Protein backbone atom coordinates (compact mmCIF):
# COMPACT_ATOMS: atom_id res chain seq x y z
CA MET A 1 -134.98 -22.91 46.30
CA LYS A 2 -131.62 -24.38 45.74
CA LEU A 3 -129.43 -25.36 48.49
CA LEU A 4 -126.11 -23.54 47.46
CA SER A 5 -125.58 -20.56 44.87
CA ILE A 6 -121.96 -20.37 43.49
CA ALA A 7 -121.02 -17.22 41.81
CA ILE A 8 -118.03 -16.91 39.50
CA PRO A 9 -116.59 -13.42 39.06
CA SER A 10 -115.59 -13.89 35.64
CA TYR A 11 -113.01 -11.21 33.59
CA ASN A 12 -111.18 -12.46 30.37
CA SER A 13 -111.83 -15.79 31.97
CA GLU A 14 -112.00 -17.53 28.57
CA ALA A 15 -109.27 -19.85 29.25
CA TYR A 16 -109.97 -21.59 32.18
CA LEU A 17 -113.87 -20.73 33.17
CA GLU A 18 -114.68 -24.19 31.75
CA LYS A 19 -112.81 -26.37 33.66
CA CYS A 20 -113.70 -24.14 37.21
CA VAL A 21 -117.98 -24.61 35.89
CA ASP A 22 -116.66 -28.08 35.13
CA SER A 23 -115.99 -28.79 38.69
CA LEU A 24 -118.83 -27.72 40.17
CA LEU A 25 -121.65 -29.25 37.73
CA PRO A 26 -121.85 -32.49 39.77
CA GLY A 27 -123.69 -30.78 42.32
CA GLY A 28 -126.66 -31.27 40.32
CA GLU A 29 -130.23 -29.28 40.19
CA GLU A 30 -129.03 -28.64 44.05
CA VAL A 31 -126.59 -25.93 43.35
CA GLU A 32 -127.28 -22.69 40.75
CA ILE A 33 -123.52 -21.49 38.97
CA LEU A 34 -123.72 -17.93 38.30
CA ILE A 35 -121.14 -16.93 35.62
CA VAL A 36 -120.96 -13.05 36.37
CA ASN A 37 -119.17 -11.72 33.32
CA ASP A 38 -117.74 -8.56 34.25
CA GLY A 39 -117.47 -6.65 31.24
CA SER A 40 -114.74 -9.28 29.51
CA LYS A 41 -113.24 -8.39 26.49
CA ASP A 42 -112.57 -11.77 25.15
CA GLY A 43 -114.64 -15.03 24.49
CA THR A 44 -115.81 -15.02 28.16
CA ALA A 45 -119.63 -13.90 27.21
CA ALA A 46 -119.78 -16.28 24.69
CA LEU A 47 -118.61 -19.00 26.55
CA ALA A 48 -120.52 -18.54 29.70
CA ASP A 49 -123.78 -18.24 27.73
CA ARG A 50 -122.85 -21.87 26.05
CA LEU A 51 -122.65 -23.41 29.64
CA SER A 52 -125.53 -21.64 30.65
CA ALA A 53 -127.55 -23.37 27.40
CA ALA A 54 -125.72 -26.74 27.91
CA HIS A 55 -126.89 -26.93 31.44
CA PRO A 56 -130.54 -25.23 31.65
CA GLY A 57 -131.41 -24.78 35.59
CA ILE A 58 -127.83 -25.22 36.89
CA VAL A 59 -125.72 -22.26 35.03
CA ARG A 60 -127.13 -18.74 34.24
CA ALA A 61 -124.89 -16.37 32.55
CA ILE A 62 -124.93 -12.95 34.06
CA HIS A 63 -123.83 -10.23 32.07
CA LYS A 64 -122.67 -6.69 33.24
CA GLU A 65 -120.35 -3.87 32.91
CA ASN A 66 -117.11 -4.02 34.41
CA GLY A 67 -116.58 -3.07 37.77
CA GLY A 68 -114.14 -5.62 39.48
CA HIS A 69 -114.07 -8.64 41.33
CA GLY A 70 -116.24 -6.82 43.94
CA SER A 71 -118.94 -5.71 42.07
CA ALA A 72 -119.59 -9.38 40.07
CA VAL A 73 -119.73 -10.73 43.83
CA ASN A 74 -122.04 -8.20 44.66
CA THR A 75 -123.87 -8.82 41.36
CA GLY A 76 -124.09 -12.60 42.03
CA LEU A 77 -125.23 -12.46 45.69
CA ASP A 78 -128.42 -10.17 44.44
CA HIS A 79 -129.07 -12.98 41.91
CA ALA A 80 -128.46 -15.77 44.04
CA THR A 81 -131.64 -17.92 45.14
CA GLY A 82 -129.80 -20.64 47.19
CA LEU A 83 -129.93 -21.11 50.81
CA PHE A 84 -126.34 -21.05 50.88
CA PHE A 85 -123.70 -18.80 49.03
CA LYS A 86 -119.97 -19.07 47.77
CA VAL A 87 -117.89 -17.43 45.62
CA VAL A 88 -115.48 -19.20 43.38
CA ASP A 89 -113.03 -17.76 41.27
CA SER A 90 -112.67 -18.64 37.52
CA ASP A 91 -109.12 -19.80 37.58
CA ASP A 92 -109.93 -21.92 40.72
CA LYS A 93 -111.91 -25.31 41.15
CA VAL A 94 -112.92 -27.52 43.88
CA ASP A 95 -112.30 -31.06 44.97
CA ALA A 96 -115.08 -33.54 43.67
CA GLU A 97 -114.99 -36.08 46.83
CA ALA A 98 -115.22 -32.93 49.34
CA TYR A 99 -117.93 -31.25 47.27
CA ARG A 100 -120.09 -34.35 48.17
CA GLU A 101 -119.68 -33.76 51.62
CA VAL A 102 -120.20 -30.14 51.60
CA LEU A 103 -123.42 -30.53 50.25
CA ASP A 104 -124.20 -33.65 52.63
CA THR A 105 -123.46 -31.31 55.42
CA LEU A 106 -125.66 -27.82 54.24
CA ARG A 107 -128.50 -30.37 53.11
CA ARG A 108 -128.66 -31.45 56.98
CA PHE A 109 -129.03 -28.02 58.01
CA SER A 110 -131.22 -27.06 55.30
CA GLU A 111 -133.79 -29.73 56.74
CA GLY A 112 -133.00 -29.45 60.29
CA GLU A 113 -134.10 -27.15 62.81
CA GLU A 114 -130.66 -25.77 63.55
CA THR A 115 -129.65 -22.76 61.66
CA LEU A 116 -126.19 -22.83 60.16
CA ASP A 117 -124.61 -19.37 59.52
CA LEU A 118 -121.22 -20.09 57.98
CA LEU A 119 -119.71 -23.28 56.84
CA ILE A 120 -115.63 -23.34 57.09
CA SER A 121 -113.78 -25.87 55.50
CA ASN A 122 -110.07 -26.21 54.00
CA TYR A 123 -108.47 -24.87 50.90
CA LEU A 124 -105.22 -25.82 49.03
CA TYR A 125 -102.70 -23.54 47.66
CA ASP A 126 -102.62 -25.08 44.01
CA LYS A 127 -99.12 -23.33 43.53
CA GLU A 128 -97.71 -23.10 39.74
CA GLY A 129 -94.48 -25.30 39.91
CA GLU A 130 -94.63 -26.43 43.28
CA LYS A 131 -94.64 -30.24 43.53
CA HIS A 132 -95.85 -30.13 47.22
CA LYS A 133 -99.15 -28.57 47.68
CA LYS A 134 -99.60 -26.26 51.02
CA MET A 135 -103.21 -27.08 52.39
CA MET A 136 -104.72 -24.27 55.15
CA GLU A 137 -106.83 -25.99 57.35
CA TYR A 138 -108.10 -25.25 61.02
CA ARG A 139 -107.62 -28.71 62.81
CA GLY A 140 -107.09 -27.80 66.64
CA ALA A 141 -108.72 -24.06 66.40
CA LEU A 142 -112.22 -24.90 65.60
CA PRO A 143 -114.33 -27.72 66.98
CA THR A 144 -115.39 -30.13 64.14
CA GLY A 145 -118.43 -32.04 63.39
CA ARG A 146 -120.91 -29.89 65.16
CA LEU A 147 -122.60 -26.26 65.88
CA PHE A 148 -120.28 -24.14 67.63
CA THR A 149 -120.26 -20.20 68.32
CA TRP A 150 -117.44 -17.98 68.40
CA GLU A 151 -116.73 -18.51 72.56
CA GLU A 152 -115.39 -22.10 70.90
CA VAL A 153 -113.37 -20.96 68.86
CA GLY A 154 -109.55 -21.67 69.71
CA HIS A 155 -106.26 -19.90 68.81
CA LEU A 156 -105.96 -19.44 64.75
CA ARG A 157 -102.31 -19.00 64.01
CA THR A 158 -100.54 -16.29 61.87
CA GLY A 159 -101.25 -17.24 58.01
CA HIS A 160 -104.32 -19.38 59.10
CA TYR A 161 -106.94 -16.72 59.03
CA ILE A 162 -110.84 -17.94 57.35
CA LEU A 163 -110.12 -16.43 53.82
CA MET A 164 -113.00 -16.45 51.13
CA HIS A 165 -111.73 -19.59 49.90
CA SER A 166 -112.74 -21.30 53.18
CA VAL A 167 -116.46 -19.91 53.56
CA ILE A 168 -119.76 -20.68 52.72
CA PHE A 169 -122.76 -18.24 53.93
CA ARG A 170 -125.94 -18.38 54.65
CA THR A 171 -127.40 -16.24 51.90
CA LYS A 172 -130.24 -14.66 53.98
CA MET A 173 -127.63 -13.46 56.89
CA LEU A 174 -125.06 -12.20 54.24
CA LYS A 175 -127.85 -10.27 52.67
CA ASP A 176 -129.11 -8.81 55.80
CA SER A 177 -125.44 -7.65 56.88
CA GLY A 178 -125.69 -5.58 54.18
CA ILE A 179 -122.40 -5.70 52.75
CA ARG A 180 -121.48 -4.22 49.36
CA LEU A 181 -118.10 -4.34 47.86
CA PRO A 182 -116.22 -1.47 46.35
CA GLU A 183 -115.67 -1.57 42.66
CA HIS A 184 -113.14 -1.44 40.54
CA CYS A 185 -110.73 -2.45 43.51
CA PHE A 186 -108.75 -5.39 44.20
CA TYR A 187 -108.15 -7.73 47.37
CA VAL A 188 -112.26 -7.00 48.32
CA ASP A 189 -112.10 -10.56 49.35
CA ASN A 190 -110.85 -9.39 52.61
CA ILE A 191 -113.93 -7.25 53.27
CA TYR A 192 -115.98 -10.10 52.04
CA VAL A 193 -114.73 -12.49 55.07
CA PHE A 194 -114.82 -9.65 57.52
CA GLU A 195 -117.62 -7.44 57.34
CA PRO A 196 -120.12 -10.16 57.91
CA LEU A 197 -118.55 -12.18 61.28
CA PRO A 198 -120.33 -9.87 63.84
CA PHE A 199 -123.75 -11.49 61.88
CA VAL A 200 -122.36 -15.13 62.42
CA LYS A 201 -123.88 -16.58 65.42
CA THR A 202 -123.11 -20.38 64.33
CA MET A 203 -120.64 -21.95 62.65
CA TYR A 204 -119.75 -25.79 61.42
CA TYR A 205 -116.19 -26.63 60.18
CA LEU A 206 -115.67 -29.64 57.99
CA ASP A 207 -112.51 -30.75 57.83
CA VAL A 208 -112.37 -31.45 54.21
CA CYS A 209 -109.98 -29.78 51.49
CA PHE A 210 -112.71 -28.20 49.35
CA TYR A 211 -111.33 -25.27 47.33
CA LEU A 212 -108.54 -25.62 45.12
CA TYR A 213 -107.07 -22.16 45.14
CA TYR A 214 -104.48 -21.56 41.93
CA ILE A 215 -101.76 -19.57 42.87
CA GLY A 216 -98.66 -18.34 40.71
CA ARG A 217 -99.43 -17.04 37.35
CA GLU A 218 -97.96 -13.44 36.60
CA ASP A 219 -100.55 -11.67 35.97
CA GLN A 220 -102.67 -12.71 38.92
CA SER A 221 -103.44 -10.43 41.39
CA VAL A 222 -102.04 -12.06 44.65
CA ASN A 223 -98.56 -11.67 42.53
CA GLU A 224 -96.08 -9.82 44.83
CA LYS A 225 -95.03 -7.58 42.20
CA ILE A 226 -98.70 -7.20 40.86
CA MET A 227 -99.83 -6.14 44.53
CA ILE A 228 -96.80 -3.31 44.85
CA SER A 229 -97.87 -1.91 41.41
CA ARG A 230 -101.77 -1.85 43.22
CA LEU A 231 -100.91 -0.86 46.71
CA GLU A 232 -103.18 1.83 46.46
CA GLN A 233 -106.23 -0.60 45.99
CA GLN A 234 -104.84 -2.64 49.00
CA MET A 235 -104.46 0.67 50.99
CA ARG A 236 -108.46 1.81 49.81
CA VAL A 237 -109.11 -1.93 51.69
CA ASN A 238 -107.35 -1.82 54.74
CA ARG A 239 -109.04 1.67 55.55
CA LEU A 240 -112.29 0.47 54.77
CA MET A 241 -111.73 -2.47 57.26
CA ILE A 242 -110.56 -0.09 59.80
CA ASP A 243 -113.58 2.19 59.26
CA TYR A 244 -115.58 -0.99 59.70
CA TYR A 245 -113.92 -2.20 62.87
CA THR A 246 -114.12 1.42 64.47
CA ASP A 247 -117.57 2.52 63.25
CA PRO A 248 -119.59 2.91 66.95
CA ALA A 249 -122.55 1.62 64.42
CA ASN A 250 -120.53 -1.69 64.22
CA ARG A 251 -119.29 -1.74 67.92
CA GLU A 252 -122.19 -3.53 69.99
CA ARG A 253 -121.89 -6.31 67.55
CA ILE A 254 -118.18 -6.99 67.47
CA THR A 255 -117.98 -6.47 70.63
CA SER A 256 -120.65 -8.96 71.88
CA SER A 257 -118.59 -11.75 71.64
CA PRO A 258 -114.78 -11.17 73.31
CA ARG A 259 -113.80 -14.06 70.87
CA LEU A 260 -115.28 -12.48 68.06
CA GLN A 261 -113.69 -9.21 68.73
CA GLU A 262 -109.86 -10.70 69.16
CA TYR A 263 -110.28 -12.69 65.85
CA MET A 264 -111.13 -9.83 63.86
CA PHE A 265 -108.55 -7.48 65.61
CA HIS A 266 -105.72 -10.16 64.82
CA TYR A 267 -107.22 -10.13 60.82
CA LEU A 268 -107.09 -6.36 61.04
CA GLU A 269 -103.75 -6.86 62.08
CA ILE A 270 -102.59 -8.75 59.12
CA ILE A 271 -104.09 -6.70 56.43
CA THR A 272 -102.25 -3.66 58.18
CA THR A 273 -99.12 -5.61 58.38
CA ILE A 274 -99.59 -6.77 54.30
CA SER A 275 -100.23 -3.19 53.05
CA SER A 276 -97.08 -1.84 55.75
CA ILE A 277 -94.63 -4.85 54.25
CA LEU A 278 -95.72 -3.90 50.38
CA ALA A 279 -94.74 -0.28 50.92
CA ILE A 280 -91.47 -1.40 53.00
CA LYS A 281 -90.58 -3.87 49.84
CA SER A 282 -91.08 -1.11 46.84
CA GLY A 283 -89.06 1.30 48.55
CA THR A 284 -90.49 4.37 46.61
CA LYS A 285 -91.08 7.61 48.68
CA GLU A 286 -94.44 7.73 47.51
CA HIS A 287 -95.42 4.19 48.69
CA LEU A 288 -93.26 4.77 52.17
CA GLN A 289 -95.39 8.17 52.56
CA TRP A 290 -98.57 5.81 52.13
CA LYS A 291 -97.88 3.34 54.95
CA GLU A 292 -97.26 6.40 57.10
CA GLU A 293 -100.16 7.92 56.03
CA LEU A 294 -102.01 4.71 57.06
CA TRP A 295 -100.72 4.12 60.40
CA GLN A 296 -101.72 8.10 61.16
CA TYR A 297 -105.13 7.63 59.31
CA LEU A 298 -105.77 4.29 62.16
CA LYS A 299 -104.63 6.45 65.26
CA GLU A 300 -107.32 9.72 64.36
CA LYS A 301 -109.69 7.05 63.50
CA ASP A 302 -108.81 4.86 67.41
CA LYS A 303 -106.21 5.97 69.32
CA ALA A 304 -106.33 2.70 71.66
CA LEU A 305 -106.29 0.49 68.57
CA TYR A 306 -103.65 2.04 66.82
CA LYS A 307 -101.37 1.60 70.22
CA ARG A 308 -102.17 -2.08 70.41
CA LEU A 309 -101.90 -2.60 66.96
CA ARG A 310 -98.42 -0.28 66.99
CA SER A 311 -97.19 -1.90 70.22
CA GLY A 312 -97.62 -5.26 69.04
CA LEU A 313 -94.85 -7.83 67.62
CA LEU A 314 -95.93 -7.01 63.90
CA GLY A 315 -96.56 -3.56 64.72
CA THR A 316 -93.38 -3.25 66.15
CA ALA A 317 -91.57 -4.88 63.28
CA MET A 318 -93.28 -2.92 60.63
CA ASN A 319 -92.19 0.35 61.94
CA LEU A 320 -88.90 -0.19 62.55
CA PRO A 321 -86.52 3.07 61.94
CA GLY A 322 -84.60 3.38 58.88
CA ARG A 323 -82.98 1.28 56.05
CA VAL A 324 -81.83 -1.47 58.52
CA GLY A 325 -85.31 -1.61 60.21
CA ARG A 326 -86.68 -1.86 57.28
CA GLY A 327 -84.18 -4.69 55.97
CA LEU A 328 -85.45 -6.52 59.13
CA ALA A 329 -88.87 -6.55 58.36
CA VAL A 330 -88.50 -7.74 54.87
CA GLY A 331 -86.34 -10.65 56.15
CA ALA A 332 -89.15 -11.34 58.86
CA TYR A 333 -91.79 -11.10 55.88
CA LYS A 334 -89.68 -13.86 53.82
CA ILE A 335 -89.61 -16.23 56.21
CA ALA A 336 -93.08 -15.93 56.89
CA GLN A 337 -93.82 -15.66 52.99
CA HIS A 338 -92.16 -19.13 53.00
CA PHE A 339 -93.72 -21.02 55.92
CA PHE A 340 -97.24 -19.92 54.99
CA GLY A 341 -96.63 -20.57 51.21
CA PHE A 342 -98.65 -17.67 50.61
CA ASN A 343 -97.81 -15.24 47.36
């Protein structure tokens, strides 16, 4: 069995896929690199095959019909044989020194008696044109150098939530969670790090900057204009997260730990805020109507959850009445955008 499976969802990634793979090859035979070609129309398929032939036993090319990022992650997980599982997007890379430390840590838990469900590390916003890169780290909020549980998780500030770039899951635990990401939908990475959390019992925070998250390309899914154009998909993800959080079948696991429940609540709060502010920034009647429908959907699903989200600082800001209220909400968003470096 491999120590780590790394899935690379790849769609029309010919221009940057090889750099991503090159950053992962130092993992050697302990790592399997699964290039999931998601029906690309450029030279991605041929490049994936060439890389697989050049690095047998390490790189595998998997070809499938186009189904979107979530579908490619699902396929990667289906083919994973490693003890642990990581998703790396095809335009991103990893830091070589941190990579060694990550593998050393995973190896310790693969050989010992203790079980690790989730390894968390830092990531860097490698933003196009920015000289000073923003690193997202969890010092002070998470214990370092040892296993810990949800009850030991401290306060994570707004903008410092655990994202796909931060996580490596134990593969069996991830599969046991039953997660299946929706197809033909962007922004499913939020579901990927949300739904498995109730199954996570043990965590380890490695305080190194492992993942280099490239951001700033005009056609990138997290570009603000692109996000507004795909607002329907953001809303879809938001609703699926509401469904999961409010599903009675999940309630026992979510409420088993007050700190887990609190973290998942605030994660849902952030996603709902993003959906709302994008609708506000768009300003079209249709998108503003979608915002109202989203909050109504939440209310119908769980009135208590709706009241708590609606009465909080972010919920209040997102629902200020009239044009002036929407202007204030956008202003607050721009301040957060500058401070945290997202989009």
